[in-house]
Amino acid sequence: MDEKEQILRENLEEYFDLADSSQKDKKYNAAATLFFKAICAGVDLFLLLKEGSVPSSHTNRFRIVQEKYPVIYEILDKDFSFYQDSYTKKMNLEIVEVLKEDAQRIKEMVK
């Protein structure tokens, strides 16, 4: 395993674990943000494993998965609005549960 892969795996787990803790503490905005970061770290890891590189931005990440990995694109496309909303709106348990489930799906894809 190379260094980039190791870092992405560690980041994925760290974001997921911190999001889980935030959810348990009913800090839903933090949980939403961290679950989305876990999703992005997982997608970047997936792309590293499949494509040999990591996208340099959200835009590049979206473009690559839209073109080649529609299942992952559906997750990102749906969840990105929750992430954006987490800056200006109050998140709730239902939204956090959706993000958590999607983060878990991405984790399964990179095992």
Protein backbone atom coordinates (compact mmCIF):
# COMPACT_ATOMS: atom_id res chain seq x y z
CA MET A 1 0.00 0.00 0.00
CA ASP A 2 1.46 3.35 -0.97
CA GLU A 3 1.45 6.47 1.21
CA LYS A 4 -1.44 8.21 -0.59
CA GLU A 5 -3.64 5.14 -0.22
CA GLN A 6 -2.73 4.83 3.46
CA ILE A 7 -3.56 8.49 4.11
CA LEU A 8 -6.92 8.22 2.34
CA ARG A 9 -7.82 5.07 4.28
CA GLU A 10 -6.88 6.74 7.57
CA ASN A 11 -8.78 9.92 6.68
CA LEU A 12 -11.85 7.92 5.70
CA GLU A 13 -11.88 6.15 9.05
CA GLU A 14 -11.13 9.33 11.02
CA TYR A 15 -13.91 11.33 9.36
CA PHE A 16 -16.36 8.46 9.72
CA ASP A 17 -15.55 7.88 13.40
CA LEU A 18 -15.75 11.59 14.25
CA ALA A 19 -19.02 11.89 12.34
CA ASP A 20 -20.42 8.93 14.27
CA SER A 21 -19.41 10.55 17.57
CA SER A 22 -20.94 13.87 16.50
CA GLN A 23 -24.16 12.11 15.57
CA LYS A 24 -24.33 10.43 18.98
CA ASP A 25 -23.83 13.86 20.58
CA LYS A 26 -26.67 15.25 18.41
CA LYS A 27 -24.25 17.62 16.69
CA TYR A 28 -25.90 17.01 13.35
CA ASN A 29 -24.21 19.75 11.31
CA ALA A 30 -20.77 18.49 12.27
CA ALA A 31 -21.87 14.91 11.63
CA ALA A 32 -23.24 15.83 8.17
CA THR A 33 -20.03 17.63 7.20
CA LEU A 34 -17.82 14.82 8.45
CA PHE A 35 -19.85 12.04 6.83
CA PHE A 36 -19.62 13.91 3.53
CA LYS A 37 -15.86 14.29 3.99
CA ALA A 38 -15.72 10.53 4.64
CA ILE A 39 -17.64 9.97 1.40
CA CYS A 40 -15.19 12.17 -0.51
CA ALA A 41 -12.14 10.48 1.03
CA GLY A 42 -13.68 7.12 0.12
CA VAL A 43 -14.42 8.22 -3.44
CA ASP A 44 -10.87 9.55 -3.77
CA LEU A 45 -9.55 6.21 -2.51
CA PHE A 46 -11.81 4.37 -4.97
CA LEU A 47 -10.51 6.54 -7.82
CA LEU A 48 -6.91 6.03 -6.71
CA LEU A 49 -7.41 2.28 -6.80
CA LYS A 50 -9.32 2.27 -10.13
CA GLU A 51 -7.73 5.18 -12.01
CA GLY A 52 -4.32 5.50 -10.37
CA SER A 53 -4.82 9.11 -9.31
CA VAL A 54 -6.78 11.35 -6.95
CA PRO A 55 -8.88 14.26 -8.28
CA SER A 56 -7.63 17.73 -7.41
CA SER A 57 -11.07 19.24 -6.67
CA HIS A 58 -14.77 18.51 -6.12
CA THR A 59 -15.34 19.46 -9.76
CA ASN A 60 -12.83 16.94 -11.07
CA ARG A 61 -14.12 14.25 -8.70
CA PHE A 62 -17.70 14.79 -9.90
CA ARG A 63 -16.69 14.81 -13.57
CA ILE A 64 -14.75 11.53 -13.35
CA VAL A 65 -17.42 9.63 -11.45
CA GLN A 66 -20.19 11.03 -13.65
CA GLU A 67 -18.41 9.73 -16.74
CA LYS A 68 -17.28 6.35 -15.40
CA TYR A 69 -19.00 5.37 -12.14
CA PRO A 70 -22.70 6.32 -12.19
CA VAL A 71 -23.54 4.57 -8.91
CA ILE A 72 -20.97 6.69 -7.07
CA TYR A 73 -22.06 9.80 -8.96
CA GLU A 74 -25.63 9.34 -7.74
CA ILE A 75 -24.38 9.29 -4.14
CA LEU A 76 -22.20 12.39 -4.56
CA ASP A 77 -24.83 14.30 -6.50
CA LYS A 78 -27.51 13.61 -3.89
CA ASP A 79 -25.33 14.24 -0.85
CA PHE A 80 -23.43 17.33 -1.99
CA SER A 81 -26.48 19.53 -1.39
CA PHE A 82 -26.67 18.31 2.23
CA TYR A 83 -23.01 19.22 2.66
CA GLN A 84 -23.61 22.71 1.22
CA ASP A 85 -26.71 23.16 3.37
CA SER A 86 -24.77 22.25 6.51
CA TYR A 87 -23.15 25.70 6.38
CA THR A 88 -26.41 27.68 6.50
CA LYS A 89 -29.14 25.33 7.78
CA LYS A 90 -29.66 23.05 10.73
CA MET A 91 -29.17 19.40 9.85
CA ASN A 92 -31.31 16.70 11.44
CA LEU A 93 -30.97 13.03 12.29
CA GLU A 94 -32.73 11.90 9.09
CA ILE A 95 -30.22 13.71 6.84
CA VAL A 96 -27.28 12.47 8.90
CA GLU A 97 -28.55 8.88 8.63
CA VAL A 98 -28.67 9.19 4.82
CA LEU A 99 -25.10 10.48 4.74
CA LYS A 100 -23.93 7.79 7.16
CA GLU A 101 -25.50 5.03 5.05
CA ASP A 102 -23.88 6.44 1.91
CA ALA A 103 -20.50 6.74 3.63
CA GLN A 104 -20.84 3.12 4.70
CA ARG A 105 -21.63 2.08 1.10
CA ILE A 106 -18.48 3.84 -0.13
CA LYS A 107 -16.43 2.21 2.65
CA GLU A 108 -17.63 -1.19 1.45
CA MET A 109 -16.53 -0.38 -2.10
CA VAL A 110 -12.92 0.25 -1.05
CA LYS A 111 -12.39 -2.69 1.33
